[in-house]
Amino acid sequence: MSNSKELNDIEKEIGRLNNKLNDLQNKIKTIDNVDQRRPINRRISQVQSEVKGLNSRRNQLLESNQKIFIYGANANNYIFALNRLPNNFQKLNKDSNAFAKNGVLTHIPTS
């Protein structure tokens, strides 16, 4: 089972916390009184520690994430087709110039 859903949730939370950090840092720039800055500085350090914890959890999930491999006849067919395409293209266009080759490449469907 892949950890992709949990990784996406963690990345969204990290993004939300980073936006909050930016807001707090912008807010602290406008305050001149040191006593008013202290609670904001404490909140910034709390949010930074939350982000650090989420990043470590994210790294653990990435390390334990299962790798997906394709086996079987379809995988062999894909590999065979990908390996053969450049050779077939070169054989079909060996007498043409570079401009004509680029024109052919622009007409190949990508999806």
Protein backbone atom coordinates (compact mmCIF):
# COMPACT_ATOMS: atom_id res chain seq x y z
CA MET A 1 0.00 0.00 0.00
CA SER A 2 1.29 3.43 -0.91
CA ASN A 3 1.57 6.29 1.56
CA SER A 4 0.63 8.89 -1.05
CA LYS A 5 -2.61 10.04 0.60
CA GLU A 6 -0.96 10.62 3.95
CA LEU A 7 2.00 12.31 2.24
CA ASN A 8 -0.35 14.66 0.38
CA ASP A 9 -2.12 15.54 3.63
CA ILE A 10 1.18 16.27 5.34
CA GLU A 11 2.38 18.40 2.43
CA LYS A 12 -0.85 20.43 2.49
CA GLU A 13 -0.46 20.98 6.24
CA ILE A 14 3.18 22.02 5.78
CA GLY A 15 2.09 24.51 3.12
CA ARG A 16 -0.61 25.91 5.40
CA LEU A 17 1.87 26.29 8.27
CA ASN A 18 4.44 27.95 5.98
CA ASN A 19 1.80 30.51 4.95
CA LYS A 20 1.07 31.11 8.62
CA LEU A 21 4.79 31.61 9.28
CA ASN A 22 5.00 34.16 6.48
CA ASP A 23 2.03 36.04 7.89
CA LEU A 24 3.54 36.08 11.39
CA GLN A 25 6.93 37.22 10.08
CA ASN A 26 5.30 40.01 8.09
CA LYS A 27 3.30 41.01 11.16
CA ILE A 28 6.38 41.16 13.38
CA LYS A 29 8.11 43.51 10.95
CA THR A 30 5.45 46.14 11.56
CA ILE A 31 5.69 46.04 15.38
CA ASP A 32 8.29 48.24 17.06
CA ASN A 33 7.55 47.38 20.71
CA VAL A 34 9.68 44.47 21.98
CA ASP A 35 7.05 43.38 24.50
CA GLN A 36 4.48 43.01 21.74
CA ARG A 37 6.94 40.98 19.63
CA ARG A 38 7.57 38.30 22.28
CA PRO A 39 4.28 36.39 21.93
CA ILE A 40 4.58 36.48 18.14
CA ASN A 41 8.15 35.17 18.37
CA ARG A 42 6.93 32.33 20.61
CA ARG A 43 4.19 31.48 18.13
CA ILE A 44 6.72 31.54 15.26
CA SER A 45 8.96 29.08 17.11
CA GLN A 46 5.94 26.82 17.84
CA VAL A 47 4.91 26.79 14.18
CA GLN A 48 8.51 26.13 13.11
CA SER A 49 8.70 23.13 15.44
CA GLU A 50 5.38 21.84 14.03
CA VAL A 51 6.78 22.13 10.50
CA LYS A 52 9.97 20.35 11.58
CA GLY A 53 7.93 17.50 13.09
CA LEU A 54 5.80 17.19 9.95
CA ASN A 55 8.92 17.16 7.78
CA SER A 56 10.42 14.32 9.82
CA ARG A 57 7.13 12.38 9.57
CA ARG A 58 7.08 13.02 5.82
CA ASN A 59 10.66 11.71 5.47
CA GLN A 60 9.75 8.57 7.44
CA LEU A 61 6.80 7.95 5.14
CA LEU A 62 8.93 8.50 2.04
CA GLU A 63 11.49 5.97 3.27
CA SER A 64 8.83 3.37 4.03
CA ASN A 65 6.80 4.01 0.88
CA GLN A 66 6.45 0.90 -1.23
CA LYS A 67 7.85 1.00 -4.71
CA ILE A 68 5.56 -0.03 -7.55
CA PHE A 69 6.98 -2.26 -10.26
CA ILE A 70 5.35 -3.35 -13.48
CA TYR A 71 5.77 -7.02 -14.28
CA GLY A 72 4.39 -9.22 -17.02
CA ALA A 73 3.71 -9.09 -20.71
CA ASN A 74 2.46 -5.49 -20.77
CA ALA A 75 5.63 -4.20 -19.13
CA ASN A 76 7.74 -6.06 -21.67
CA ASN A 77 5.63 -4.64 -24.50
CA TYR A 78 6.12 -1.07 -23.21
CA ILE A 79 9.86 -1.52 -22.86
CA PHE A 80 10.09 -3.10 -26.32
CA ALA A 81 8.08 -0.27 -27.89
CA LEU A 82 10.11 2.45 -26.19
CA ASN A 83 13.36 0.84 -27.27
CA ARG A 84 12.21 0.37 -30.87
CA LEU A 85 10.71 3.84 -31.48
CA PRO A 86 14.00 5.74 -31.98
CA ASN A 87 15.32 3.08 -34.37
CA ASN A 88 12.12 3.03 -36.42
CA PHE A 89 12.10 6.84 -36.60
CA GLN A 90 15.69 6.89 -37.81
CA LYS A 91 15.03 4.24 -40.46
CA LEU A 92 11.94 6.03 -41.78
CA ASN A 93 13.67 9.42 -41.92
CA LYS A 94 17.26 8.55 -42.84
CA ASP A 95 17.17 10.41 -46.17
CA SER A 96 15.40 13.55 -44.91
CA ASN A 97 16.98 16.72 -43.58
CA ALA A 98 16.77 18.14 -40.05
CA PHE A 99 13.93 20.52 -40.91
CA ALA A 100 11.75 17.69 -42.22
CA LYS A 101 12.49 15.58 -39.12
CA ASN A 102 11.36 18.40 -36.85
CA GLY A 103 8.18 18.72 -38.86
CA VAL A 104 7.45 15.02 -38.43
CA LEU A 105 8.11 15.24 -34.69
CA THR A 106 5.63 18.06 -34.24
CA HIS A 107 2.88 15.92 -35.78
CA ILE A 108 3.38 12.97 -33.45
CA PRO A 109 0.47 12.85 -30.94
CA THR A 110 1.58 13.08 -27.31
CA SER A 111 -1.50 11.66 -25.65
